[in-house]
C-alpha atoms as a PDB file:
ATOM      1  CA  MET A   1    -179.129 -91.331  66.156  1.00  0.00           C
ATOM      2  CA  SER A   2    -177.409 -88.868  68.478  1.00  0.00           C
ATOM      3  CA  LYS A   3    -174.113 -89.454  66.636  1.00  0.00           C
ATOM      4  CA  LEU A   4    -175.825 -88.657  63.341  1.00  0.00           C
ATOM      5  CA  GLY A   5    -177.342 -85.539  64.922  1.00  0.00           C
ATOM      6  CA  ASN A   6    -173.928 -84.447  66.156  1.00  0.00           C
ATOM      7  CA  ILE A   7    -172.384 -84.948  62.730  1.00  0.00           C
ATOM      8  CA  PHE A   8    -175.268 -82.995  61.208  1.00  0.00           C
ATOM      9  CA  THR A   9    -174.852 -80.090  63.624  1.00  0.00           C
ATOM     10  CA  VAL A  10    -171.086 -80.042  63.031  1.00  0.00           C
ATOM     11  CA  TYR A  11    -171.612 -79.873  59.287  1.00  0.00           C
ATOM     12  CA  MET A  12    -174.258 -77.203  59.652  1.00  0.00           C
ATOM     13  CA  ASN A  13    -171.894 -75.160  61.809  1.00  0.00           C
ATOM     14  CA  LEU A  14    -169.159 -75.557  59.198  1.00  0.00           C
ATOM     15  CA  TYR A  15    -171.523 -74.494  56.441  1.00  0.00           C
ATOM     16  CA  ALA A  16    -172.683 -71.506  58.468  1.00  0.00           C
ATOM     17  CA  PHE A  17    -169.074 -70.507  59.162  1.00  0.00           C
ATOM     18  CA  PHE A  18    -168.178 -70.949  55.489  1.00  0.00           C
ATOM     19  CA  PHE A  19    -171.087 -68.849  54.253  1.00  0.00           C
ATOM     20  CA  MET A  20    -170.423 -66.166  56.865  1.00  0.00           C
ATOM     21  CA  PHE A  21    -166.760 -66.088  55.796  1.00  0.00           C
ATOM     22  CA  LEU A  22    -167.809 -65.931  52.144  1.00  0.00           C
ATOM     23  CA  TYR A  23    -170.256 -63.117  52.839  1.00  0.00           C
ATOM     24  CA  TYR A  24    -167.729 -61.002  54.733  1.00  0.00           C
ATOM     25  CA  TYR A  25    -165.004 -61.770  52.178  1.00  0.00           C
ATOM     26  CA  VAL A  26    -167.191 -60.594  49.301  1.00  0.00           C
ATOM     27  CA  LYS A  27    -168.366 -57.561  51.266  1.00  0.00           C
ATOM     28  CA  TYR A  28    -164.912 -56.392  52.277  1.00  0.00           C
ATOM     29  CA  SER A  29    -163.338 -57.274  48.949  1.00  0.00           C
ATOM     30  CA  MET A  30    -165.982 -55.065  47.338  1.00  0.00           C
ATOM     31  CA  VAL A  31    -165.033 -52.297  49.768  1.00  0.00           C
ATOM     32  CA  TYR A  32    -161.343 -52.710  48.922  1.00  0.00           C
ATOM     33  CA  LEU A  33    -162.130 -52.867  45.208  1.00  0.00           C
ATOM     34  CA  TYR A  34    -164.172 -49.678  45.509  1.00  0.00           C
ATOM     35  CA  MET A  35    -161.349 -47.926  47.365  1.00  0.00           C
ATOM     36  CA  CYS A  36    -158.803 -49.056  44.787  1.00  0.00           C
ATOM     37  CA  MET A  37    -161.011 -47.885  41.948  1.00  0.00           C
ATOM     38  CA  TYR A  38    -161.526 -44.571  43.735  1.00  0.00           C
ATOM     39  CA  PHE A  39    -157.779 -43.993  44.127  1.00  0.00           C
ATOM     40  CA  ILE A  40    -157.023 -45.156  40.581  1.00  0.00           C
ATOM     41  CA  CYS A  41    -159.697 -42.860  39.160  1.00  0.00           C
ATOM     42  CA  ASN A  42    -158.366 -39.921  41.191  1.00  0.00           C
ATOM     43  CA  TYR A  43    -154.862 -40.656  39.945  1.00  0.00           C
ATOM     44  CA  VAL A  44    -156.057 -40.830  36.335  1.00  0.00           C
ATOM     45  CA  ASN A  45    -158.024 -37.594  36.746  1.00  0.00           C
ATOM     46  CA  ILE A  46    -154.958 -35.834  38.165  1.00  0.00           C
ATOM     47  CA  LEU A  47    -152.819 -37.112  35.284  1.00  0.00           C
ATOM     48  CA  TRP A  48    -155.480 -36.062  32.779  1.00  0.00           C
ATOM     49  CA  PHE A  49    -155.637 -32.595  34.408  1.00  0.00           C
ATOM     50  CA  ILE A  50    -151.849 -32.234  34.211  1.00  0.00           C
ATOM     51  CA  CYS A  51    -151.800 -33.321  30.558  1.00  0.00           C
ATOM     52  CA  ASN A  52    -154.603 -30.941  29.661  1.00  0.00           C
ATOM     53  CA  ASN A  53    -152.871 -28.054  31.415  1.00  0.00           C
ATOM     54  CA  TYR A  54    -149.641 -28.928  29.645  1.00  0.00           C
ATOM     55  CA  ILE A  55    -151.409 -28.793  26.279  1.00  0.00           C
ATOM     56  CA  ILE A  56    -153.106 -25.490  27.180  1.00  0.00           C
ATOM     57  CA  PHE A  57    -149.858 -23.893  28.347  1.00  0.00           C
ATOM     58  CA  TYR A  58    -148.041 -25.228  25.292  1.00  0.00           C
ATOM     59  CA  ASN A  59    -150.648 -23.630  23.044  1.00  0.00           C
ATOM     60  CA  PHE A  60    -150.433 -20.403  25.070  1.00  0.00           C
ATOM     61  CA  TYR A  61    -146.659 -20.239  24.695  1.00  0.00           C
ATOM     62  CA  ALA A  62    -146.945 -21.038  20.985  1.00  0.00           C
ATOM     63  CA  PHE A  63    -149.495 -18.232  20.710  1.00  0.00           C
ATOM     64  CA  LEU A  64    -147.126 -15.785  22.448  1.00  0.00           C
ATOM     65  CA  TYR A  65    -144.302 -16.910  20.197  1.00  0.00           C
ATOM     66  CA  VAL A  66    -146.444 -16.310  17.116  1.00  0.00           C
ATOM     67  CA  ILE A  67    -147.443 -12.870  18.387  1.00  0.00           C
ATOM     68  CA  ASN A  68    -143.820 -11.915  18.951  1.00  0.00           C
END
């Protein structure tokens, strides 16, 4: 009976360790995913800003060329 109890407690400790590991893995992978998405979105916004400014300046220079 005590051997069965020991096996049971060992398995319960393994399950607890596994679920704790799973919980922290999901939590911190979400944090890393959020950070990666944040940096990717900033990068895309910067690229979009540069492209929009390029189009605006191109139109401005075309406008000046037409005026001249």
